[in-house]
Amino acid sequence: MSSIPALALPTTSGATFDPATLKGQAYVLYFYPKDNTPGCTTEGNDFRIHHDAFAAAGVKVFGVSRDSVKSHEGFKTKQCFPFELISDPEEALCEAMGVMKLKNMYGKQVRGIERSTFVIDGQGEVVREWRGVKVPGHVEEVLAFVQSLKQ
């Protein structure tokens, strides 16, 4: 599998996402198209509902989109997300993970984030990925996978 590139991106709570500081820590990166949209809200809330189980498995959760930190802060507060949202307006992490795709929206081709999730181990290596995610049942599948890592 691949590894997460060296970069530093702003997150909610005034923090910075820097993979180098997460050595030894497993984490989930879930990429979603846009704050405050129905599918993205549902997915984020599923991660919120299962947050304690991810924490018990020793896994941090991060949401990623191209929205601004200000937009993320509002979304996080409104939905009571207990995890950080990473702002990637320049698409550095999105491009590195290959989640930028041409999509059809109202009959037009638009470039956007393909809903995708990655599990990264403590060495910074991607150990599992899901692409073209359908929201229902997805978070439970990711949680089952991270729990299996502790076996």
C-alpha atoms as a PDB file:
ATOM      1  CA  MET A   1       0.000   0.000   0.000  1.00  0.00           C
ATOM      2  CA  SER A   2       0.987   3.638  -0.125  1.00  0.00           C
ATOM      3  CA  SER A   3       1.961   6.083   2.571  1.00  0.00           C
ATOM      4  CA  ILE A   4       0.609   9.503   3.474  1.00  0.00           C
ATOM      5  CA  PRO A   5       2.721  12.355   2.058  1.00  0.00           C
ATOM      6  CA  ALA A   6       4.484  14.892   4.266  1.00  0.00           C
ATOM      7  CA  LEU A   7       2.287  17.984   4.465  1.00  0.00           C
ATOM      8  CA  ALA A   8       0.665  20.275   6.989  1.00  0.00           C
ATOM      9  CA  LEU A   9      -2.969  21.334   6.625  1.00  0.00           C
ATOM     10  CA  PRO A  10      -5.175  23.434   8.881  1.00  0.00           C
ATOM     11  CA  THR A  11      -7.927  21.757  10.856  1.00  0.00           C
ATOM     12  CA  THR A  12     -10.729  22.777  13.132  1.00  0.00           C
ATOM     13  CA  SER A  13      -9.851  23.742  16.723  1.00  0.00           C
ATOM     14  CA  GLY A  14      -6.845  25.700  15.418  1.00  0.00           C
ATOM     15  CA  ALA A  15      -4.852  22.510  14.997  1.00  0.00           C
ATOM     16  CA  THR A  16      -2.697  21.296  12.106  1.00  0.00           C
ATOM     17  CA  PHE A  17      -2.884  17.921  10.415  1.00  0.00           C
ATOM     18  CA  ASP A  18       0.696  16.702   9.974  1.00  0.00           C
ATOM     19  CA  PRO A  19       1.163  12.973   9.378  1.00  0.00           C
ATOM     20  CA  ALA A  20       4.671  13.128  10.859  1.00  0.00           C
ATOM     21  CA  THR A  21       3.173  13.973  14.267  1.00  0.00           C
ATOM     22  CA  LEU A  22       0.887  10.927  14.068  1.00  0.00           C
ATOM     23  CA  LYS A  23       3.654   8.291  13.950  1.00  0.00           C
ATOM     24  CA  GLY A  24       2.611   5.391  16.164  1.00  0.00           C
ATOM     25  CA  GLN A  25      -1.058   6.424  15.905  1.00  0.00           C
ATOM     26  CA  ALA A  26      -3.533   4.654  13.612  1.00  0.00           C
ATOM     27  CA  TYR A  27      -6.148   6.919  12.068  1.00  0.00           C
ATOM     28  CA  VAL A  28      -8.966   7.173   9.571  1.00  0.00           C
ATOM     29  CA  LEU A  29      -9.100   9.806   6.841  1.00  0.00           C
ATOM     30  CA  TYR A  30     -12.540  10.111   5.338  1.00  0.00           C
ATOM     31  CA  PHE A  31     -12.893  12.381   2.311  1.00  0.00           C
ATOM     32  CA  TYR A  32     -16.268  13.926   1.628  1.00  0.00           C
ATOM     33  CA  PRO A  33     -17.484  16.395  -1.028  1.00  0.00           C
ATOM     34  CA  LYS A  34     -18.959  19.322   0.931  1.00  0.00           C
ATOM     35  CA  ASP A  35     -19.882  20.570   4.404  1.00  0.00           C
ATOM     36  CA  ASN A  36     -23.582  20.783   5.296  1.00  0.00           C
ATOM     37  CA  THR A  37     -24.858  18.562   2.474  1.00  0.00           C
ATOM     38  CA  PRO A  38     -27.164  15.619   3.236  1.00  0.00           C
ATOM     39  CA  GLY A  39     -24.820  12.684   2.477  1.00  0.00           C
ATOM     40  CA  CYS A  40     -21.827  14.360   4.097  1.00  0.00           C
ATOM     41  CA  THR A  41     -23.841  15.228   7.209  1.00  0.00           C
ATOM     42  CA  THR A  42     -25.089  11.645   7.506  1.00  0.00           C
ATOM     43  CA  GLU A  43     -21.585  10.229   7.075  1.00  0.00           C
ATOM     44  CA  GLY A  44     -20.097  12.636   9.629  1.00  0.00           C
ATOM     45  CA  ASN A  45     -22.856  11.818  12.109  1.00  0.00           C
ATOM     46  CA  ASP A  46     -22.192   8.094  11.644  1.00  0.00           C
ATOM     47  CA  PHE A  47     -18.544   8.722  12.560  1.00  0.00           C
ATOM     48  CA  ARG A  48     -19.741  10.817  15.543  1.00  0.00           C
ATOM     49  CA  ILE A  49     -22.064   8.042  16.752  1.00  0.00           C
ATOM     50  CA  HIS A  50     -19.238   5.487  16.609  1.00  0.00           C
ATOM     51  CA  HIS A  51     -16.463   7.838  17.778  1.00  0.00           C
ATOM     52  CA  ASP A  52     -16.061   6.178  21.185  1.00  0.00           C
ATOM     53  CA  ALA A  53     -15.655   2.763  19.534  1.00  0.00           C
ATOM     54  CA  PHE A  54     -12.959   4.130  17.192  1.00  0.00           C
ATOM     55  CA  ALA A  55     -11.203   5.683  20.208  1.00  0.00           C
ATOM     56  CA  ALA A  56     -11.447   2.385  22.111  1.00  0.00           C
ATOM     57  CA  ALA A  57      -9.741   0.718  19.131  1.00  0.00           C
ATOM     58  CA  GLY A  58      -6.960   3.326  19.380  1.00  0.00           C
ATOM     59  CA  VAL A  59      -7.907   5.021  16.103  1.00  0.00           C
ATOM     60  CA  LYS A  60      -8.344   8.761  15.501  1.00  0.00           C
ATOM     61  CA  VAL A  61     -10.832  10.016  12.902  1.00  0.00           C
ATOM     62  CA  PHE A  62     -10.335  12.973  10.545  1.00  0.00           C
ATOM     63  CA  GLY A  63     -12.774  14.284   7.950  1.00  0.00           C
ATOM     64  CA  VAL A  64     -11.328  15.975   4.839  1.00  0.00           C
ATOM     65  CA  SER A  65     -12.865  18.264   2.237  1.00  0.00           C
ATOM     66  CA  ARG A  66     -11.947  21.343   0.226  1.00  0.00           C
ATOM     67  CA  ASP A  67     -14.087  23.588   2.429  1.00  0.00           C
ATOM     68  CA  SER A  68     -12.480  26.390   4.450  1.00  0.00           C
ATOM     69  CA  VAL A  69     -11.633  26.043   8.137  1.00  0.00           C
ATOM     70  CA  LYS A  70     -14.411  28.565   8.843  1.00  0.00           C
ATOM     71  CA  SER A  71     -16.945  26.387   7.018  1.00  0.00           C
ATOM     72  CA  HIS A  72     -15.600  23.305   8.820  1.00  0.00           C
ATOM     73  CA  GLU A  73     -15.870  25.007  12.216  1.00  0.00           C
ATOM     74  CA  GLY A  74     -19.555  25.777  11.597  1.00  0.00           C
ATOM     75  CA  PHE A  75     -20.252  22.252  10.326  1.00  0.00           C
ATOM     76  CA  LYS A  76     -18.385  20.625  13.231  1.00  0.00           C
ATOM     77  CA  THR A  77     -20.159  22.774  15.826  1.00  0.00           C
ATOM     78  CA  LYS A  78     -23.617  22.313  14.293  1.00  0.00           C
ATOM     79  CA  GLN A  79     -23.207  18.514  14.145  1.00  0.00           C
ATOM     80  CA  CYS A  80     -21.241  18.170  17.434  1.00  0.00           C
ATOM     81  CA  PHE A  81     -18.430  16.236  15.753  1.00  0.00           C
ATOM     82  CA  PRO A  82     -15.854  15.099  18.364  1.00  0.00           C
ATOM     83  CA  PHE A  83     -13.120  14.833  15.695  1.00  0.00           C
ATOM     84  CA  GLU A  84     -11.211  17.349  13.593  1.00  0.00           C
ATOM     85  CA  LEU A  85     -12.037  18.334  10.012  1.00  0.00           C
ATOM     86  CA  ILE A  86      -9.089  19.002   7.699  1.00  0.00           C
ATOM     87  CA  SER A  87      -9.303  21.901   5.238  1.00  0.00           C
ATOM     88  CA  ASP A  88      -7.692  21.090   1.873  1.00  0.00           C
ATOM     89  CA  PRO A  89      -8.703  23.945  -0.479  1.00  0.00           C
ATOM     90  CA  GLU A  90      -5.546  23.497  -2.595  1.00  0.00           C
ATOM     91  CA  GLU A  91      -6.363  19.776  -2.931  1.00  0.00           C
ATOM     92  CA  ALA A  92      -2.869  18.691  -1.804  1.00  0.00           C
ATOM     93  CA  LEU A  93      -4.041  15.732   0.283  1.00  0.00           C
ATOM     94  CA  CYS A  94      -6.981  15.049  -2.060  1.00  0.00           C
ATOM     95  CA  GLU A  95      -4.621  14.755  -5.045  1.00  0.00           C
ATOM     96  CA  ALA A  96      -2.086  12.680  -3.106  1.00  0.00           C
ATOM     97  CA  MET A  97      -4.822  10.196  -2.204  1.00  0.00           C
ATOM     98  CA  GLY A  98      -6.355  10.206  -5.678  1.00  0.00           C
ATOM     99  CA  VAL A  99      -9.849  11.235  -4.613  1.00  0.00           C
ATOM    100  CA  MET A 100     -10.394  14.076  -7.110  1.00  0.00           C
ATOM    101  CA  LYS A 101     -12.704  12.863  -9.885  1.00  0.00           C
ATOM    102  CA  LEU A 102     -14.856  14.221 -12.688  1.00  0.00           C
ATOM    103  CA  LYS A 103     -18.479  13.826 -11.672  1.00  0.00           C
ATOM    104  CA  ASN A 104     -21.763  14.570 -13.385  1.00  0.00           C
ATOM    105  CA  MET A 105     -23.837  17.188 -11.622  1.00  0.00           C
ATOM    106  CA  TYR A 106     -27.047  18.423 -13.211  1.00  0.00           C
ATOM    107  CA  GLY A 107     -25.802  17.294 -16.625  1.00  0.00           C
ATOM    108  CA  LYS A 108     -22.423  19.043 -16.316  1.00  0.00           C
ATOM    109  CA  GLN A 109     -18.979  17.596 -15.680  1.00  0.00           C
ATOM    110  CA  VAL A 110     -17.546  18.972 -12.444  1.00  0.00           C
ATOM    111  CA  ARG A 111     -14.364  18.122 -10.579  1.00  0.00           C
ATOM    112  CA  GLY A 112     -15.002  17.037  -7.039  1.00  0.00           C
ATOM    113  CA  ILE A 113     -14.093  14.703  -4.229  1.00  0.00           C
ATOM    114  CA  GLU A 114     -15.103  11.080  -4.637  1.00  0.00           C
ATOM    115  CA  ARG A 115     -16.332   9.955  -1.205  1.00  0.00           C
ATOM    116  CA  SER A 116     -13.447   7.770   0.026  1.00  0.00           C
ATOM    117  CA  THR A 117     -12.065   6.446   3.313  1.00  0.00           C
ATOM    118  CA  PHE A 118      -8.551   5.311   4.227  1.00  0.00           C
ATOM    119  CA  VAL A 119      -7.219   3.551   7.323  1.00  0.00           C
ATOM    120  CA  ILE A 120      -3.612   4.494   8.081  1.00  0.00           C
ATOM    121  CA  ASP A 121      -1.488   2.467  10.485  1.00  0.00           C
ATOM    122  CA  GLY A 122       1.019   3.751  13.037  1.00  0.00           C
ATOM    123  CA  GLN A 123       3.802   3.705  10.425  1.00  0.00           C
ATOM    124  CA  GLY A 124       1.837   6.080   8.162  1.00  0.00           C
ATOM    125  CA  GLU A 125       0.951   3.352   5.647  1.00  0.00           C
ATOM    126  CA  VAL A 126      -2.490   2.981   4.085  1.00  0.00           C
ATOM    127  CA  VAL A 127      -3.712  -0.463   5.163  1.00  0.00           C
ATOM    128  CA  ARG A 128      -7.242  -0.301   3.718  1.00  0.00           C
ATOM    129  CA  GLU A 129      -9.162   1.982   1.387  1.00  0.00           C
ATOM    130  CA  TRP A 130     -12.741   2.365   0.271  1.00  0.00           C
ATOM    131  CA  ARG A 131     -13.554   4.411  -2.850  1.00  0.00           C
ATOM    132  CA  GLY A 132     -16.863   5.517  -4.293  1.00  0.00           C
ATOM    133  CA  VAL A 133     -18.375   5.048  -0.836  1.00  0.00           C
ATOM    134  CA  LYS A 134     -22.103   4.697  -0.295  1.00  0.00           C
ATOM    135  CA  VAL A 135     -22.912   6.150   3.135  1.00  0.00           C
ATOM    136  CA  PRO A 136     -25.365   3.601   4.634  1.00  0.00           C
ATOM    137  CA  GLY A 137     -23.421   1.005   6.646  1.00  0.00           C
ATOM    138  CA  HIS A 138     -20.021   2.373   5.623  1.00  0.00           C
ATOM    139  CA  VAL A 139     -18.821   3.628   9.006  1.00  0.00           C
ATOM    140  CA  GLU A 140     -19.761   0.310  10.614  1.00  0.00           C
ATOM    141  CA  GLU A 141     -17.644  -1.493   7.989  1.00  0.00           C
ATOM    142  CA  VAL A 142     -14.662   0.800   8.681  1.00  0.00           C
ATOM    143  CA  LEU A 143     -15.090   0.298  12.434  1.00  0.00           C
ATOM    144  CA  ALA A 144     -15.200  -3.501  12.042  1.00  0.00           C
ATOM    145  CA  PHE A 145     -11.960  -3.331  10.050  1.00  0.00           C
ATOM    146  CA  VAL A 146     -10.104  -1.180  12.601  1.00  0.00           C
ATOM    147  CA  GLN A 147     -11.341  -3.398  15.434  1.00  0.00           C
ATOM    148  CA  SER A 148      -9.984  -6.440  13.556  1.00  0.00           C
ATOM    149  CA  LEU A 149      -6.521  -4.820  13.572  1.00  0.00           C
ATOM    150  CA  LYS A 150      -6.401  -5.103  17.370  1.00  0.00           C
ATOM    151  CA  GLN A 151      -6.915  -8.891  17.230  1.00  0.00           C
END
